[in-house]
Every structure is written in structure tokens, then in C-alpha cells.
Amino acid sequence: MPNQIEIHACVFGGRFIVSFEPRSIAWPSLEFRTHAEALSCANARHKAHGWPVIDKTGGERG
């Protein structure tokens, strides 16, 4: 079971990745076009499961 949610900037294409750590087949990473979409997803999972959200984008927005 994941114990935290991470938001990363994707190296290619300016997208954002939401991953669940530790990684698991049951909880695949999700890709979003904007930081706002990724953050919205991460916050919804946080509300549902209580896992902390770690934004590793360095304040990057798209």
C-alpha cells in the first residue's frame, strides 16, 4: 500500500507525473498535461486515503 504521493515534472513534453510510493502494480503512475491537473489528482487521493502529497516539481507550473 502506498504511503505517499509524489508529483514530478516529466522529462519529455512538459507533462507532470503523479506517482505512488513505494511503487506498485496496483497503483500505477498517472500522467497529466498541467501541474494543476496533477495537483488536483494528488489532493483527491490525499483526501481519500490520507497519504501525504510531496510536490517535487520545484514550483514549476504548466
N, C-alpha and C. Protein backbone atom coordinates (compact mmCIF):
# COMPACT_ATOMS: atom_id res chain seq x y z
N MET A 1 0.84 -1.18 0.00
CA MET A 1 0.00 0.00 0.00
C MET A 1 0.89 1.24 0.00
N PRO A 2 0.58 2.20 -0.88
CA PRO A 2 1.39 3.42 -0.93
C PRO A 2 1.36 4.19 0.38
N ASN A 3 2.46 4.89 0.66
CA ASN A 3 2.47 5.70 1.87
C ASN A 3 2.72 7.16 1.57
N GLN A 4 2.94 7.52 0.29
CA GLN A 4 2.98 8.92 -0.08
C GLN A 4 2.72 9.07 -1.57
N ILE A 5 2.33 10.28 -1.95
CA ILE A 5 2.02 10.62 -3.33
C ILE A 5 3.04 11.67 -3.76
N GLU A 6 3.68 11.46 -4.92
CA GLU A 6 4.67 12.42 -5.40
C GLU A 6 4.25 12.97 -6.75
N ILE A 7 4.52 14.27 -6.95
CA ILE A 7 4.30 14.93 -8.24
C ILE A 7 5.67 15.26 -8.80
N HIS A 8 5.93 14.82 -10.04
CA HIS A 8 7.20 15.06 -10.71
C HIS A 8 6.94 15.74 -12.05
N ALA A 9 7.88 16.59 -12.47
CA ALA A 9 7.83 17.12 -13.83
C ALA A 9 8.39 16.04 -14.75
N CYS A 10 7.70 15.76 -15.83
CA CYS A 10 8.14 14.76 -16.80
C CYS A 10 9.29 15.35 -17.61
N VAL A 11 10.29 14.54 -17.87
CA VAL A 11 11.48 14.99 -18.60
C VAL A 11 11.12 15.36 -20.04
N PHE A 12 10.17 14.65 -20.63
CA PHE A 12 9.79 14.87 -22.02
C PHE A 12 8.39 15.47 -22.12
N GLY A 13 8.24 16.51 -22.89
CA GLY A 13 6.92 17.02 -23.24
C GLY A 13 6.26 17.96 -22.26
N GLY A 14 6.91 18.35 -21.18
CA GLY A 14 6.32 19.31 -20.26
C GLY A 14 5.10 18.81 -19.52
N ARG A 15 5.00 17.53 -19.32
CA ARG A 15 3.87 16.96 -18.58
C ARG A 15 4.26 16.71 -17.13
N PHE A 16 3.29 16.27 -16.34
CA PHE A 16 3.51 16.03 -14.92
C PHE A 16 3.05 14.63 -14.56
N ILE A 17 3.82 13.98 -13.70
CA ILE A 17 3.56 12.60 -13.29
C ILE A 17 3.16 12.58 -11.82
N VAL A 18 2.09 11.87 -11.51
CA VAL A 18 1.71 11.60 -10.12
C VAL A 18 2.05 10.13 -9.88
N SER A 19 2.94 9.89 -8.90
CA SER A 19 3.31 8.51 -8.59
C SER A 19 3.01 8.23 -7.12
N PHE A 20 2.84 6.96 -6.86
CA PHE A 20 2.52 6.50 -5.52
C PHE A 20 3.71 5.71 -5.01
N GLU A 21 4.23 6.10 -3.87
CA GLU A 21 5.45 5.49 -3.32
C GLU A 21 5.13 4.71 -2.05
N PRO A 22 5.69 3.54 -1.87
CA PRO A 22 6.54 2.84 -2.83
C PRO A 22 5.72 2.39 -4.04
N ARG A 23 6.38 2.27 -5.18
CA ARG A 23 5.69 1.92 -6.42
C ARG A 23 5.13 0.51 -6.36
N SER A 24 4.00 0.34 -7.05
CA SER A 24 3.30 -0.94 -7.03
C SER A 24 2.50 -1.09 -8.32
N ILE A 25 2.30 -2.30 -8.76
CA ILE A 25 1.47 -2.56 -9.94
C ILE A 25 0.04 -2.12 -9.67
N ALA A 26 -0.40 -2.25 -8.43
CA ALA A 26 -1.77 -1.88 -8.06
C ALA A 26 -2.00 -0.37 -8.12
N TRP A 27 -0.92 0.43 -8.02
CA TRP A 27 -1.02 1.89 -8.02
C TRP A 27 -0.08 2.45 -9.09
N PRO A 28 -0.47 2.38 -10.39
CA PRO A 28 0.41 2.88 -11.45
C PRO A 28 0.51 4.41 -11.42
N SER A 29 1.60 4.92 -11.98
CA SER A 29 1.77 6.37 -12.10
C SER A 29 0.75 6.91 -13.10
N LEU A 30 0.38 8.18 -12.91
CA LEU A 30 -0.58 8.84 -13.78
C LEU A 30 0.07 10.07 -14.39
N GLU A 31 -0.23 10.37 -15.66
CA GLU A 31 0.38 11.49 -16.37
C GLU A 31 -0.68 12.56 -16.68
N PHE A 32 -0.29 13.83 -16.49
CA PHE A 32 -1.21 14.95 -16.71
C PHE A 32 -0.53 16.03 -17.55
N ARG A 33 -1.33 16.79 -18.27
CA ARG A 33 -0.81 17.87 -19.12
C ARG A 33 -0.37 19.08 -18.31
N THR A 34 -1.05 19.36 -17.21
CA THR A 34 -0.72 20.55 -16.43
C THR A 34 -0.44 20.19 -14.97
N HIS A 35 0.28 21.08 -14.33
CA HIS A 35 0.56 20.89 -12.91
C HIS A 35 -0.73 20.94 -12.11
N ALA A 36 -1.65 21.81 -12.50
CA ALA A 36 -2.93 21.95 -11.78
C ALA A 36 -3.71 20.63 -11.80
N GLU A 37 -3.73 19.95 -12.95
CA GLU A 37 -4.43 18.66 -13.04
C GLU A 37 -3.75 17.61 -12.15
N ALA A 38 -2.42 17.59 -12.18
CA ALA A 38 -1.68 16.63 -11.35
C ALA A 38 -1.92 16.90 -9.87
N LEU A 39 -1.89 18.16 -9.50
CA LEU A 39 -2.11 18.52 -8.10
C LEU A 39 -3.53 18.20 -7.66
N SER A 40 -4.50 18.42 -8.53
CA SER A 40 -5.88 18.09 -8.21
C SER A 40 -6.05 16.59 -7.95
N CYS A 41 -5.44 15.77 -8.81
CA CYS A 41 -5.48 14.32 -8.64
C CYS A 41 -4.82 13.92 -7.32
N ALA A 42 -3.63 14.45 -7.07
CA ALA A 42 -2.90 14.11 -5.85
C ALA A 42 -3.68 14.52 -4.61
N ASN A 43 -4.28 15.69 -4.65
CA ASN A 43 -5.07 16.15 -3.49
C ASN A 43 -6.31 15.29 -3.27
N ALA A 44 -6.94 14.84 -4.36
CA ALA A 44 -8.11 13.97 -4.23
C ALA A 44 -7.71 12.63 -3.60
N ARG A 45 -6.57 12.07 -4.02
CA ARG A 45 -6.09 10.82 -3.42
C ARG A 45 -5.71 11.04 -1.96
N HIS A 46 -5.14 12.21 -1.67
CA HIS A 46 -4.80 12.53 -0.28
C HIS A 46 -6.07 12.55 0.59
N LYS A 47 -7.11 13.20 0.10
CA LYS A 47 -8.37 13.26 0.86
C LYS A 47 -8.98 11.88 1.05
N ALA A 48 -8.86 11.02 0.02
CA ALA A 48 -9.46 9.69 0.08
C ALA A 48 -8.67 8.73 0.97
N HIS A 49 -7.34 8.85 0.97
CA HIS A 49 -6.51 7.85 1.65
C HIS A 49 -5.63 8.41 2.76
N GLY A 50 -5.48 9.73 2.81
CA GLY A 50 -4.67 10.34 3.87
C GLY A 50 -3.17 10.33 3.65
N TRP A 51 -2.72 9.90 2.46
CA TRP A 51 -1.28 9.87 2.19
C TRP A 51 -0.78 11.28 1.92
N PRO A 52 0.38 11.63 2.40
CA PRO A 52 0.91 12.98 2.15
C PRO A 52 1.27 13.18 0.68
N VAL A 53 1.14 14.43 0.21
CA VAL A 53 1.50 14.79 -1.16
C VAL A 53 2.83 15.53 -1.12
N ILE A 54 3.80 15.03 -1.89
CA ILE A 54 5.11 15.64 -1.99
C ILE A 54 5.27 16.17 -3.41
N ASP A 55 5.32 17.50 -3.58
CA ASP A 55 5.45 18.12 -4.89
C ASP A 55 6.93 18.33 -5.18
N LYS A 56 7.49 17.54 -6.08
CA LYS A 56 8.91 17.59 -6.40
C LYS A 56 9.18 18.36 -7.69
N THR A 57 8.26 19.24 -8.08
CA THR A 57 8.42 19.99 -9.31
C THR A 57 9.25 21.25 -9.11
N GLY A 58 9.59 21.59 -7.87
CA GLY A 58 10.36 22.80 -7.65
C GLY A 58 9.59 24.06 -7.96
N GLY A 59 8.28 24.01 -7.83
CA GLY A 59 7.46 25.18 -8.10
C GLY A 59 7.13 25.37 -9.58
N GLU A 60 7.53 24.42 -10.42
CA GLU A 60 7.27 24.51 -11.85
C GLU A 60 5.77 24.38 -12.08
N ARG A 61 5.25 25.23 -12.95
CA ARG A 61 3.82 25.18 -13.27
C ARG A 61 3.64 25.12 -14.77
N GLY A 62 2.58 24.48 -15.19
CA GLY A 62 2.32 24.39 -16.62
C GLY A 62 0.87 24.22 -16.88
